[in-house]
Amino acid sequence: MSGLPQRTGAQVLVDQLIAQGVERVTCVPGESYLAVLDALRDSGIDVLVCRQEGGAAIMAEAAGKLTGRPGICFVTRGPGATNASAGVHIARQDSTPMILFVGQIARAMRDREAFQEVDYRQMFGGLAKWAVEIDDAARIPEILARAFRVALQGRPGPVVIALPEDMLDDVAAVADAPRVVPAEPAPAPGDVERLRALLAAARQPMVLLGGARWTESARTALAGWAERHDVPVAVSFRRANLFSADHPNFAGELGIGPNPALLARIKEADLLLMVGGRLSEMPAQSYGLLGIPNPGLPLVHVHPDPAELGRVYQPALAIQATPEAFCAALPAYDAPRTGRAAEAHASYRAWSETPEPKPGSFQYGAAIAWLRERLPPEAVICNGAGNFATWVHRYYRFRAFGTQLAPTSGSMGYGLPAAVMAKRSLPERIVVTLAGDGDVMMTVQEFATAVQYGVAIIVVVLDNGMYGTIRMHQEREYPGRVSATELRNPDFAALARSCGGHGERVERTEEFAPAFERSLAAGMPAMIHCLVDPEALTPTMTLAAIRAKALAAREG
């Protein structure tokens, strides 16, 4: 195209990121994409250099959750890509927009099993929404625009793009692509009328929120509609920030170990309106909550991707729409006010109010209850995976939109790198990670990243000396036969200080609040090492009780 400047492939690529509004990327550097690193140097894009590709990819996934636009991560070929696959898996299962760029061998070396050679189309083909390799620098704008659209549109997810290192040095004269704005499917007028009729006929309707592509305006619209029509609203697993826990219609979270009263309320419903989510294994209680393919009750499923409508559960009414478009079209109807929403909310409050005492000098539940009262509504709470998270989901109350970063995929190690991205993006907010001892060690090296960039996160480590969730299952299946679940941990407070951060050690409940306040006042990355009694395994059961129950069942 005449009149266009000549640019290297790397410069074209970085200019496309700028055109798409990218402000921040994560990376672990590699020789396979040195040209991109050079192009980023003067771009104005904030580059976070991480310590391991898994952490870098998780940070990018967290950025996708926070902004609704694809988080961007660069890694090198071979081991770099395989390490980063953890973040790609999270983005896939969590429906998060994300783009992973992988440096690749030179084009002339293909198919010789060159140094660190991998076929990324094959490797990521079943994991990402799209995996592609760019052979021609002139096609970079086209492919990146498509990548942003694939990552954003329908059900969001990850895209993987391989970049041959010699292609990045090629020169091309090509125009930038325009900023991608994803399609916003809206409900058809006829579907809105059918929904109105179903709602008017129902006497015990329930709403379940989940998935991605939510906005604060959609959340606000749905809350007002639910309140006007006396409808209880629950949220899916680790989607608690989609509806305020303080709202009088909030019925609780449908996740792991949910309130039995919430399960009963859903089973007794004569209409379930599911907006945005998929009702996958965790919220579906191992797919036992509803029937498959016939749910056993009238189901209205709203989702932006037609491939998800009727994929598992056949709905009475399928509506292809984003949460934003659907909530703007919610119909008014006449319904008796029975107080069902208030009853559901009262049940949630009773279930989540006061943690039961557990063995040990440090009561983790009491610490969560204290954080619930201490932290402002806009504080961001991050966690990875493990039994420790059940206390967060039950006793903490998410009130503001965009304040929960947690993997619905159940990926350990998520919380710490997610917190780094949250605090880097939202420096005015308090950002807290709650992490188990096994969980945090998966990505603990990213604490050094937090120190390097002065990102003042607070990491609360719950140390019970074991992989607690696996030990719980082990005691249920093989009571008393402990194998491969015990851990010997470092002094996490000393580890934090060795990285240049703030460290605290907590052995008793009364020590937690002062330690947290000192950590917050330190103004630097902090780690609070909390010693938890191994018996305090879940909010409802001790280790000994789980073992005794399993042994009794065998003897019976």
Protein backbone atom coordinates (compact mmCIF):
# COMPACT_ATOMS: atom_id res chain seq x y z
CA MET A 1 0.00 0.00 0.00
CA SER A 2 1.58 3.25 -1.13
CA GLY A 3 2.49 5.92 1.36
CA LEU A 4 2.66 3.58 4.36
CA PRO A 5 5.89 3.43 6.36
CA GLN A 6 8.08 0.36 6.38
CA ARG A 7 8.05 -1.37 9.75
CA THR A 8 9.50 -4.58 11.07
CA GLY A 9 7.09 -7.33 12.01
CA ALA A 10 7.84 -6.67 15.69
CA GLN A 11 7.02 -2.98 15.32
CA VAL A 12 3.82 -3.78 13.45
CA LEU A 13 2.81 -6.18 16.22
CA VAL A 14 3.40 -3.71 19.03
CA ASP A 15 1.55 -0.99 17.11
CA GLN A 16 -1.44 -3.35 16.85
CA LEU A 17 -1.43 -3.76 20.63
CA ILE A 18 -1.49 0.01 21.00
CA ALA A 19 -4.33 0.27 18.47
CA GLN A 20 -6.33 -2.24 20.52
CA GLY A 21 -5.87 -0.19 23.68
CA VAL A 22 -3.37 -2.49 25.42
CA GLU A 23 -1.72 -0.68 28.32
CA ARG A 24 0.12 -3.51 30.05
CA VAL A 25 1.75 -6.84 29.13
CA THR A 26 3.50 -9.55 31.11
CA CYS A 27 6.46 -11.59 29.97
CA VAL A 28 9.39 -13.80 30.70
CA PRO A 29 12.05 -12.72 28.17
CA GLY A 30 13.41 -15.08 25.56
CA GLU A 31 15.78 -14.89 22.61
CA SER A 32 12.99 -16.04 20.29
CA TYR A 33 11.21 -12.67 20.45
CA LEU A 34 13.97 -10.16 21.17
CA ALA A 35 12.66 -7.92 18.38
CA VAL A 36 9.33 -7.55 20.21
CA LEU A 37 11.07 -6.70 23.47
CA ASP A 38 12.96 -3.98 21.62
CA ALA A 39 9.78 -2.63 20.04
CA LEU A 40 8.06 -2.55 23.43
CA ARG A 41 10.87 -0.49 24.93
CA ASP A 42 9.66 2.86 23.56
CA SER A 43 5.99 1.97 23.14
CA GLY A 44 4.60 3.36 26.38
CA ILE A 45 3.18 -0.06 27.24
CA ASP A 46 3.83 -1.14 30.83
CA VAL A 47 5.92 -4.35 30.69
CA LEU A 48 5.94 -6.58 33.77
CA VAL A 49 8.88 -8.95 33.74
CA CYS A 50 7.94 -12.09 35.66
CA ARG A 51 9.92 -14.96 37.15
CA GLN A 52 8.11 -17.91 35.59
CA GLU A 53 5.82 -18.19 32.58
CA GLY A 54 2.96 -19.71 34.57
CA GLY A 55 2.85 -16.62 36.77
CA ALA A 56 3.09 -14.32 33.76
CA ALA A 57 0.18 -16.07 32.04
CA ILE A 58 -1.93 -15.98 35.20
CA MET A 59 -1.30 -12.23 35.50
CA ALA A 60 -2.52 -11.79 31.92
CA GLU A 61 -5.62 -13.88 32.67
CA ALA A 62 -6.31 -11.70 35.73
CA ALA A 63 -6.01 -8.60 33.52
CA GLY A 64 -8.66 -10.09 31.24
CA LYS A 65 -10.99 -10.57 34.20
CA LEU A 66 -10.38 -7.04 35.48
CA THR A 67 -10.76 -5.15 32.21
CA GLY A 68 -12.94 -7.32 29.98
CA ARG A 69 -10.30 -6.91 27.23
CA PRO A 70 -7.67 -9.57 26.46
CA GLY A 71 -4.78 -9.78 28.88
CA ILE A 72 -1.47 -10.03 26.97
CA CYS A 73 1.47 -12.29 27.77
CA PHE A 74 4.74 -12.97 25.90
CA VAL A 75 6.81 -16.10 26.48
CA THR A 76 9.56 -17.92 24.67
CA ARG A 77 9.30 -21.20 22.80
CA GLY A 78 9.31 -24.75 24.18
CA PRO A 79 9.56 -24.68 27.98
CA GLY A 80 8.27 -21.12 28.07
CA ALA A 81 5.08 -22.12 26.27
CA THR A 82 4.55 -25.29 28.27
CA ASN A 83 4.95 -23.35 31.52
CA ALA A 84 2.45 -20.76 30.32
CA SER A 85 -0.16 -23.39 29.45
CA ALA A 86 -1.46 -23.25 33.03
CA GLY A 87 -2.71 -19.72 32.43
CA VAL A 88 -4.22 -20.70 29.09
CA HIS A 89 -6.19 -23.48 30.78
CA ILE A 90 -7.51 -21.07 33.40
CA ALA A 91 -8.58 -18.59 30.73
CA ARG A 92 -10.38 -21.35 28.83
CA GLN A 93 -12.38 -22.70 31.77
CA ASP A 94 -13.00 -19.25 33.26
CA SER A 95 -14.13 -17.73 29.92
CA THR A 96 -11.50 -15.00 30.13
CA PRO A 97 -10.18 -13.06 27.12
CA MET A 98 -6.43 -13.49 26.83
CA ILE A 99 -3.75 -13.64 24.13
CA LEU A 100 -0.52 -15.58 24.63
CA PHE A 101 2.31 -14.75 22.23
CA VAL A 102 4.98 -17.45 21.91
CA GLY A 103 8.37 -16.90 20.32
CA GLN A 104 9.00 -19.58 17.69
CA ILE A 105 11.94 -21.05 15.80
CA ALA A 106 12.88 -19.54 12.44
CA ARG A 107 10.69 -20.65 9.56
CA ALA A 108 13.50 -22.40 7.68
CA MET A 109 14.15 -24.72 10.67
CA ARG A 110 10.66 -26.19 10.89
CA ASP A 111 10.06 -29.94 11.10
CA ARG A 112 13.64 -30.80 12.10
CA GLU A 113 12.90 -30.87 15.84
CA ALA A 114 15.04 -27.78 16.17
CA PHE A 115 16.00 -26.38 19.56
CA GLN A 116 12.79 -26.07 21.62
CA GLU A 117 10.61 -26.64 18.54
CA VAL A 118 6.91 -27.25 19.23
CA ASP A 119 3.89 -27.21 16.94
CA TYR A 120 1.74 -24.72 18.87
CA ARG A 121 -1.35 -25.28 16.74
CA GLN A 122 -1.27 -28.88 17.84
CA MET A 123 -0.20 -28.23 21.41
CA PHE A 124 -2.85 -25.61 22.15
CA GLY A 125 -5.45 -26.71 19.60
CA GLY A 126 -7.79 -28.25 22.17
CA LEU A 127 -7.01 -25.78 24.94
CA ALA A 128 -7.21 -22.34 23.33
CA LYS A 129 -10.12 -20.92 21.34
CA TRP A 130 -7.70 -20.44 18.46
CA ALA A 131 -4.01 -21.25 17.94
CA VAL A 132 -2.18 -19.77 14.96
CA GLU A 133 1.33 -19.07 13.68
CA ILE A 134 2.10 -15.90 11.71
CA ASP A 135 4.26 -16.57 8.65
CA ASP A 136 4.00 -13.17 6.96
CA ALA A 137 4.67 -9.86 8.72
CA ALA A 138 2.18 -8.13 6.39
CA ARG A 139 -0.64 -10.24 7.88
CA ILE A 140 0.03 -9.25 11.49
CA PRO A 141 -2.75 -6.59 11.65
CA GLU A 142 -5.27 -9.00 10.13
CA ILE A 143 -4.40 -11.88 12.46
CA LEU A 144 -4.19 -9.76 15.61
CA ALA A 145 -7.56 -8.16 14.90
CA ARG A 146 -9.06 -11.60 14.45
CA ALA A 147 -7.34 -12.79 17.64
CA PHE A 148 -8.85 -9.97 19.68
CA ARG A 149 -12.28 -10.72 18.22
CA VAL A 150 -12.02 -14.46 18.90
CA ALA A 151 -10.82 -13.80 22.46
CA LEU A 152 -13.68 -11.35 23.14
CA GLN A 153 -16.67 -12.53 21.16
CA GLY A 154 -19.25 -15.14 22.13
CA ARG A 155 -17.81 -17.02 25.08
CA PRO A 156 -14.47 -15.26 25.76
CA GLY A 157 -11.30 -17.28 25.98
CA PRO A 158 -7.58 -17.58 25.18
CA VAL A 159 -5.85 -17.25 21.82
CA VAL A 160 -2.27 -18.45 21.25
CA ILE A 161 -0.13 -16.83 18.54
CA ALA A 162 3.29 -18.23 17.58
CA LEU A 163 5.84 -15.73 16.25
CA PRO A 164 8.74 -17.13 14.16
CA GLU A 165 11.76 -15.10 15.19
CA ASP A 166 12.87 -14.33 11.63
CA MET A 167 9.35 -13.14 10.70
CA LEU A 168 9.61 -10.48 13.41
CA ASP A 169 12.60 -8.96 11.56
CA ASP A 170 10.87 -8.90 8.17
CA VAL A 171 9.80 -5.48 6.88
CA ALA A 172 6.28 -4.67 5.69
CA ALA A 173 4.26 -1.60 4.72
CA VAL A 174 0.81 -2.32 6.08
CA ALA A 175 -1.99 -0.36 7.74
CA ASP A 176 -3.00 -0.88 11.36
CA ALA A 177 -6.26 -2.68 12.07
CA PRO A 178 -9.08 -0.76 13.78
CA ARG A 179 -9.92 -1.36 17.43
CA VAL A 180 -12.05 -4.47 17.83
CA VAL A 181 -15.45 -4.05 19.46
CA PRO A 182 -17.07 -7.46 19.96
CA ALA A 183 -20.60 -8.18 18.80
CA GLU A 184 -23.24 -7.72 21.52
CA PRO A 185 -26.07 -10.15 20.74
CA ALA A 186 -29.35 -8.97 22.26
CA PRO A 187 -32.52 -10.93 23.03
CA ALA A 188 -35.17 -11.00 20.31
CA PRO A 189 -38.45 -9.25 21.18
CA GLY A 190 -40.29 -12.55 20.96
CA ASP A 191 -37.92 -14.14 23.47
CA VAL A 192 -38.47 -11.27 25.90
CA GLU A 193 -42.23 -11.82 25.66
CA ARG A 194 -41.85 -15.56 26.22
CA LEU A 195 -39.67 -14.84 29.24
CA ARG A 196 -42.28 -12.43 30.58
CA ALA A 197 -44.95 -15.14 30.33
CA LEU A 198 -42.74 -17.72 32.05
CA LEU A 199 -41.90 -15.33 34.89
CA ALA A 200 -45.54 -14.30 35.36
CA ALA A 201 -46.58 -17.94 35.66
CA ALA A 202 -43.82 -18.86 38.11
CA ARG A 203 -44.34 -18.72 41.87
CA GLN A 204 -40.84 -19.70 42.98
CA PRO A 205 -38.41 -18.35 40.37
CA MET A 206 -34.66 -18.23 41.00
CA VAL A 207 -31.88 -16.37 39.18
CA LEU A 208 -28.34 -17.76 38.86
CA LEU A 209 -25.52 -15.52 37.59
CA GLY A 210 -22.19 -16.65 36.20
CA GLY A 211 -19.78 -16.51 33.31
CA ALA A 212 -18.06 -13.53 31.74
CA ARG A 213 -18.82 -10.36 29.73
CA TRP A 214 -20.54 -8.73 32.70
CA THR A 215 -20.48 -4.98 33.25
CA GLU A 216 -21.28 -2.88 36.28
CA SER A 217 -24.32 -1.45 34.51
CA ALA A 218 -25.66 -4.96 33.80
CA ARG A 219 -25.13 -5.89 37.44
CA THR A 220 -26.97 -2.77 38.59
CA ALA A 221 -29.87 -3.32 36.20
CA LEU A 222 -30.37 -6.91 37.29
CA ALA A 223 -30.21 -6.01 40.99
CA GLY A 224 -32.92 -3.37 40.58
CA TRP A 225 -35.11 -5.75 38.55
CA ALA A 226 -34.74 -8.56 41.09
CA GLU A 227 -35.65 -6.25 43.95
CA ARG A 228 -38.77 -4.95 42.15
CA HIS A 229 -39.97 -8.49 41.47
CA ASP A 230 -38.97 -10.20 44.74
CA VAL A 231 -36.69 -12.74 43.02
CA PRO A 232 -33.82 -14.42 44.92
CA VAL A 233 -30.46 -14.22 43.11
CA ALA A 234 -27.56 -16.65 43.55
CA VAL A 235 -24.11 -16.57 41.97
CA SER A 236 -22.12 -19.40 40.48
CA PHE A 237 -18.79 -20.76 41.76
CA ARG A 238 -16.26 -17.94 42.25
CA ARG A 239 -18.49 -15.35 40.57
CA ALA A 240 -19.52 -13.70 43.86
CA ASN A 241 -18.77 -10.15 42.71
CA LEU A 242 -21.61 -10.33 40.15
CA PHE A 243 -24.15 -9.47 42.88
CA SER A 244 -23.61 -7.65 46.16
CA ALA A 245 -23.69 -9.87 49.22
CA ASP A 246 -25.38 -7.01 51.07
CA HIS A 247 -28.27 -6.81 48.61
CA PRO A 248 -31.60 -7.94 50.17
CA ASN A 249 -32.16 -10.40 47.29
CA PHE A 250 -28.78 -12.16 47.51
CA ALA A 251 -29.23 -15.88 48.15
CA GLY A 252 -25.58 -17.02 48.23
CA GLU A 253 -22.95 -18.77 46.14
CA LEU A 254 -23.60 -22.05 44.39
CA GLY A 255 -20.14 -23.56 44.62
CA ILE A 256 -18.25 -26.17 46.62
CA GLY A 257 -19.95 -27.00 49.92
CA PRO A 258 -22.88 -24.59 49.42
CA ASN A 259 -25.61 -23.72 51.87
CA PRO A 260 -27.98 -26.73 51.91
CA ALA A 261 -30.91 -24.30 52.04
CA LEU A 262 -29.75 -22.74 48.75
CA LEU A 263 -29.60 -26.16 47.10
CA ALA A 264 -33.10 -26.91 48.32
CA ARG A 265 -34.34 -23.54 47.08
CA ILE A 266 -33.01 -24.21 43.57
CA LYS A 267 -34.46 -27.73 43.50
CA GLU A 268 -37.85 -26.38 44.60
CA ALA A 269 -37.84 -23.56 42.05
CA ASP A 270 -40.46 -23.61 39.31
CA LEU A 271 -38.27 -21.46 37.03
CA LEU A 272 -34.49 -21.06 36.91
CA LEU A 273 -33.14 -18.07 34.99
CA MET A 274 -29.43 -18.66 34.36
CA VAL A 275 -27.59 -15.62 33.00
CA GLY A 276 -24.06 -15.76 31.58
CA GLY A 277 -22.89 -19.03 33.09
CA ARG A 278 -22.69 -22.66 32.02
CA LEU A 279 -23.63 -24.51 35.25
CA SER A 280 -20.51 -26.63 34.97
CA GLU A 281 -19.34 -29.35 37.36
CA MET A 282 -18.64 -27.34 40.53
CA PRO A 283 -21.86 -25.25 40.68
CA ALA A 284 -23.86 -28.22 39.33
CA GLN A 285 -22.71 -30.32 42.31
CA SER A 286 -20.95 -32.88 40.09
CA TYR A 287 -23.79 -32.55 37.58
CA GLY A 288 -26.31 -33.84 40.12
CA LEU A 289 -28.24 -30.63 40.77
CA LEU A 290 -30.31 -30.66 37.57
CA GLY A 291 -31.20 -33.43 35.21
CA ILE A 292 -29.30 -33.95 31.93
CA PRO A 293 -30.45 -33.30 29.26
CA ASN A 294 -33.85 -32.51 30.80
CA PRO A 295 -33.18 -30.17 33.75
CA GLY A 296 -36.35 -31.24 35.53
CA LEU A 297 -37.64 -27.66 35.80
CA PRO A 298 -38.22 -24.83 33.34
CA LEU A 299 -34.77 -23.43 32.56
CA VAL A 300 -34.15 -20.14 30.79
CA HIS A 301 -30.52 -20.00 29.70
CA VAL A 302 -28.98 -16.70 28.62
CA HIS A 303 -25.50 -16.83 27.10
CA PRO A 304 -23.65 -14.82 24.42
CA ASP A 305 -22.36 -17.96 22.68
CA PRO A 306 -24.91 -20.12 20.85
CA ALA A 307 -22.62 -23.15 21.25
CA GLU A 308 -23.26 -23.07 25.01
CA LEU A 309 -27.06 -22.96 24.75
CA GLY A 310 -28.33 -26.51 25.14
CA ARG A 311 -24.81 -27.94 25.24
CA VAL A 312 -25.56 -29.85 28.47
CA TYR A 313 -29.02 -28.80 29.68
CA GLN A 314 -31.89 -28.41 27.23
CA PRO A 315 -33.63 -25.15 28.20
CA ALA A 316 -37.28 -24.24 27.93
CA LEU A 317 -36.05 -20.95 26.49
CA ALA A 318 -32.58 -20.27 25.07
CA ILE A 319 -31.58 -16.64 24.63
CA GLN A 320 -28.37 -15.67 22.88
CA ALA A 321 -27.39 -12.39 24.51
CA THR A 322 -24.62 -10.78 26.51
CA PRO A 323 -25.42 -10.00 30.16
CA GLU A 324 -25.35 -6.27 29.29
CA ALA A 325 -27.91 -6.57 26.48
CA PHE A 326 -30.10 -9.04 28.36
CA CYS A 327 -30.24 -7.06 31.60
CA ALA A 328 -31.18 -3.94 29.65
CA ALA A 329 -34.17 -5.87 28.23
CA LEU A 330 -35.41 -7.59 31.41
CA PRO A 331 -39.22 -7.56 31.29
CA ALA A 332 -41.52 -6.16 33.92
CA TYR A 333 -44.40 -8.39 35.01
CA ASP A 334 -46.98 -8.72 37.75
CA ALA A 335 -45.96 -11.04 40.57
CA PRO A 336 -47.11 -11.38 44.17
CA ARG A 337 -44.56 -10.28 46.75
CA THR A 338 -44.18 -13.34 48.94
CA GLY A 339 -41.02 -12.38 50.81
CA ARG A 340 -39.08 -15.23 49.19
CA ALA A 341 -36.09 -13.01 48.45
CA ALA A 342 -35.89 -11.79 52.03
CA GLU A 343 -36.14 -15.37 53.27
CA ALA A 344 -33.34 -16.47 50.94
CA HIS A 345 -31.13 -13.57 52.02
CA ALA A 346 -31.75 -14.27 55.70
CA SER A 347 -30.73 -17.88 55.12
CA TYR A 348 -27.53 -16.73 53.40
CA ARG A 349 -26.70 -14.32 56.24
CA ALA A 350 -27.19 -17.01 58.87
CA TRP A 351 -25.03 -19.44 56.88
CA SER A 352 -22.21 -16.95 56.39
CA GLU A 353 -22.24 -14.93 59.62
CA THR A 354 -20.23 -16.69 62.35
CA PRO A 355 -17.55 -19.30 61.64
CA GLU A 356 -17.60 -22.35 63.87
CA PRO A 357 -14.58 -22.68 66.19
CA LYS A 358 -12.02 -25.19 64.98
CA PRO A 359 -9.00 -26.83 66.64
CA GLY A 360 -5.94 -24.66 67.02
CA SER A 361 -4.81 -21.34 68.45
CA PHE A 362 -5.36 -19.54 65.15
CA GLN A 363 -8.98 -19.41 64.01
CA TYR A 364 -8.87 -18.83 60.28
CA GLY A 365 -12.63 -18.28 60.11
CA ALA A 366 -12.37 -15.47 62.65
CA ALA A 367 -9.65 -13.85 60.51
CA ILE A 368 -11.94 -13.93 57.45
CA ALA A 369 -14.78 -12.42 59.49
CA TRP A 370 -12.41 -9.66 60.64
CA LEU A 371 -11.31 -8.94 57.06
CA ARG A 372 -14.98 -8.80 56.05
CA GLU A 373 -15.50 -5.90 58.44
CA ARG A 374 -12.09 -4.25 58.00
CA LEU A 375 -11.76 -4.06 54.23
CA PRO A 376 -13.61 -1.49 52.11
CA PRO A 377 -16.08 -2.77 49.47
CA GLU A 378 -13.65 -2.02 46.61
CA ALA A 379 -10.81 -4.17 48.07
CA VAL A 380 -9.77 -6.94 45.67
CA ILE A 381 -9.61 -10.47 47.08
CA CYS A 382 -7.58 -13.10 45.23
CA ASN A 383 -7.19 -16.81 45.87
CA GLY A 384 -5.96 -19.95 44.21
CA ALA A 385 -7.21 -23.45 45.01
CA GLY A 386 -7.41 -25.50 48.18
CA ASN A 387 -9.65 -26.08 51.19
CA PHE A 388 -8.60 -22.70 52.58
CA ALA A 389 -10.73 -21.07 49.85
CA THR A 390 -13.98 -22.50 51.23
CA TRP A 391 -13.74 -20.10 54.17
CA VAL A 392 -13.35 -17.16 51.77
CA HIS A 393 -16.36 -18.13 49.68
CA ARG A 394 -18.56 -18.76 52.70
CA TYR A 395 -17.64 -15.99 55.16
CA TYR A 396 -16.26 -13.09 53.12
CA ARG A 397 -18.87 -10.81 51.53
CA PHE A 398 -18.11 -9.43 48.08
CA ARG A 399 -19.98 -6.19 47.64
CA ALA A 400 -18.46 -4.32 44.67
CA PHE A 401 -18.07 -5.34 41.03
CA GLY A 402 -14.62 -6.49 39.91
CA THR A 403 -13.34 -7.39 43.38
CA GLN A 404 -12.92 -11.16 43.10
CA LEU A 405 -10.06 -12.86 41.26
CA ALA A 406 -10.27 -16.62 41.63
CA PRO A 407 -10.02 -19.53 39.18
CA THR A 408 -13.20 -21.47 38.46
CA SER A 409 -10.80 -24.02 36.94
CA GLY A 410 -9.43 -24.77 40.42
CA SER A 411 -5.84 -23.91 39.51
CA MET A 412 -3.39 -23.74 42.40
CA GLY A 413 -0.97 -20.82 42.48
CA TYR A 414 -3.43 -18.34 40.99
CA GLY A 415 -3.84 -15.86 43.83
CA LEU A 416 -0.38 -14.31 44.16
CA PRO A 417 0.26 -13.41 40.49
CA ALA A 418 -3.37 -12.32 40.09
CA ALA A 419 -2.87 -9.94 43.00
CA VAL A 420 0.27 -8.50 41.39
CA MET A 421 -1.75 -7.63 38.27
CA ALA A 422 -4.66 -6.25 40.30
CA LYS A 423 -2.48 -3.95 42.39
CA ARG A 424 -0.43 -2.84 39.39
CA SER A 425 -3.66 -1.98 37.56
CA LEU A 426 -5.52 -0.54 40.57
CA PRO A 427 -2.84 0.91 42.86
CA GLU A 428 -5.36 2.85 44.94
CA ARG A 429 -7.10 -0.33 46.11
CA ILE A 430 -6.19 -2.77 48.87
CA VAL A 431 -5.37 -6.12 47.25
CA VAL A 432 -5.25 -9.25 49.41
CA THR A 433 -4.35 -12.80 48.41
CA LEU A 434 -5.45 -15.71 50.57
CA ALA A 435 -3.32 -18.76 49.81
CA GLY A 436 -2.67 -22.22 51.16
CA ASP A 437 0.87 -23.38 51.82
CA GLY A 438 0.83 -25.81 48.89
CA ASP A 439 -1.02 -23.29 46.74
CA VAL A 440 1.32 -20.35 47.24
CA MET A 441 4.48 -22.34 46.53
CA MET A 442 3.30 -22.94 42.96
CA THR A 443 4.00 -19.29 42.06
CA VAL A 444 5.75 -17.83 45.12
CA GLN A 445 8.57 -16.53 42.92
CA GLU A 446 6.20 -13.80 41.70
CA PHE A 447 6.48 -12.20 45.15
CA ALA A 448 9.88 -11.07 43.89
CA THR A 449 8.08 -9.51 40.92
CA ALA A 450 5.82 -7.61 43.33
CA VAL A 451 8.89 -6.31 45.17
CA GLN A 452 10.66 -5.34 41.95
CA TYR A 453 7.72 -3.16 40.88
CA GLY A 454 6.75 -1.91 44.33
CA VAL A 455 3.33 -3.55 44.10
CA ALA A 456 2.12 -3.55 47.71
CA ILE A 457 0.01 -6.69 47.82
CA ILE A 458 -0.73 -8.54 51.07
CA VAL A 459 -0.40 -12.33 50.89
CA VAL A 460 -2.00 -14.25 53.76
CA VAL A 461 -0.52 -17.77 53.79
CA LEU A 462 -2.52 -20.48 55.59
CA ASP A 463 0.02 -23.12 56.57
CA ASN A 464 -1.30 -26.49 57.75
CA GLY A 465 1.69 -28.48 56.50
CA MET A 466 -0.11 -30.46 53.83
CA TYR A 467 -1.99 -30.50 50.56
CA GLY A 468 -5.22 -30.20 52.53
CA THR A 469 -7.80 -30.82 49.81
CA ILE A 470 -6.06 -33.97 48.62
CA ARG A 471 -5.59 -35.12 52.23
CA MET A 472 -9.34 -34.64 52.75
CA HIS A 473 -10.14 -36.87 49.77
CA GLN A 474 -7.44 -39.31 50.86
CA GLU A 475 -8.99 -39.70 54.31
CA ARG A 476 -12.40 -40.27 52.75
CA GLU A 477 -11.15 -42.96 50.35
CA TYR A 478 -8.17 -44.42 52.25
CA PRO A 479 -8.71 -43.42 55.92
CA GLY A 480 -5.54 -43.30 58.00
CA ARG A 481 -3.28 -44.10 55.03
CA VAL A 482 -1.42 -40.84 54.49
CA SER A 483 0.59 -40.78 51.27
CA ALA A 484 2.26 -37.91 49.36
CA THR A 485 0.23 -35.12 51.01
CA GLU A 486 2.52 -33.91 53.83
CA LEU A 487 4.58 -30.74 53.35
CA ARG A 488 7.59 -29.18 55.07
CA ASN A 489 7.35 -25.46 54.46
CA PRO A 490 9.74 -22.51 54.60
CA ASP A 491 9.38 -19.62 57.01
CA PHE A 492 7.17 -17.52 54.73
CA ALA A 493 7.74 -14.31 56.71
CA ALA A 494 11.50 -14.73 56.34
CA LEU A 495 11.02 -15.57 52.68
CA ALA A 496 9.15 -12.30 52.17
CA ARG A 497 11.86 -10.32 53.93
CA SER A 498 14.59 -12.04 51.90
CA CYS A 499 12.89 -10.75 48.75
CA GLY A 500 12.80 -7.20 50.13
CA GLY A 501 9.20 -7.28 51.36
CA HIS A 502 7.49 -7.23 54.74
CA GLY A 503 6.98 -10.47 56.70
CA GLU A 504 4.79 -11.40 59.66
CA ARG A 505 4.19 -14.64 61.57
CA VAL A 506 0.83 -15.36 63.21
CA GLU A 507 0.26 -18.24 65.62
CA ARG A 508 -2.83 -17.01 67.52
CA THR A 509 -6.06 -15.38 66.35
CA GLU A 510 -5.47 -12.16 68.28
CA GLU A 511 -2.17 -11.64 66.42
CA PHE A 512 -3.78 -11.50 62.99
CA ALA A 513 -5.35 -8.03 63.01
CA PRO A 514 -2.21 -6.20 64.25
CA ALA A 515 -0.07 -8.14 61.76
CA PHE A 516 -2.40 -7.19 58.92
CA GLU A 517 -2.38 -3.52 59.92
CA ARG A 518 1.42 -3.47 60.09
CA SER A 519 1.58 -5.13 56.68
CA LEU A 520 -0.78 -2.57 55.20
CA ALA A 521 1.11 0.32 56.78
CA ALA A 522 4.45 -1.00 55.47
CA GLY A 523 3.53 0.15 51.96
CA MET A 524 5.40 -2.73 50.36
CA PRO A 525 4.61 -6.32 49.35
CA ALA A 526 3.87 -8.27 52.51
CA MET A 527 3.40 -11.89 53.51
CA ILE A 528 1.59 -12.98 56.67
CA HIS A 529 2.48 -16.55 57.64
CA CYS A 530 -0.48 -18.02 59.59
CA LEU A 531 -0.06 -21.40 61.29
CA VAL A 532 -3.25 -23.45 60.97
CA ASP A 533 -3.96 -26.65 62.92
CA PRO A 534 -4.10 -29.57 60.43
CA GLU A 535 -7.33 -30.69 62.10
CA ALA A 536 -9.07 -27.47 60.96
CA LEU A 537 -9.58 -28.86 57.48
CA THR A 538 -12.95 -27.38 56.41
CA PRO A 539 -15.49 -24.96 57.90
CA THR A 540 -17.63 -27.94 58.95
CA MET A 541 -15.37 -30.97 59.42
CA THR A 542 -12.10 -31.83 61.16
CA LEU A 543 -9.54 -34.24 59.79
CA ALA A 544 -10.33 -36.73 62.56
CA ALA A 545 -14.05 -36.51 61.89
CA ILE A 546 -13.58 -37.18 58.17
CA ARG A 547 -11.42 -40.20 58.93
CA ALA A 548 -13.83 -41.54 61.56
CA LYS A 549 -16.78 -41.19 59.20
CA ALA A 550 -14.94 -43.07 56.45
CA LEU A 551 -13.89 -45.86 58.82
CA ALA A 552 -17.42 -46.19 60.19
CA ALA A 553 -18.79 -46.47 56.66
CA ARG A 554 -16.34 -49.28 55.90
CA GLU A 555 -17.19 -51.16 59.07
CA GLY A 556 -20.89 -50.71 58.42
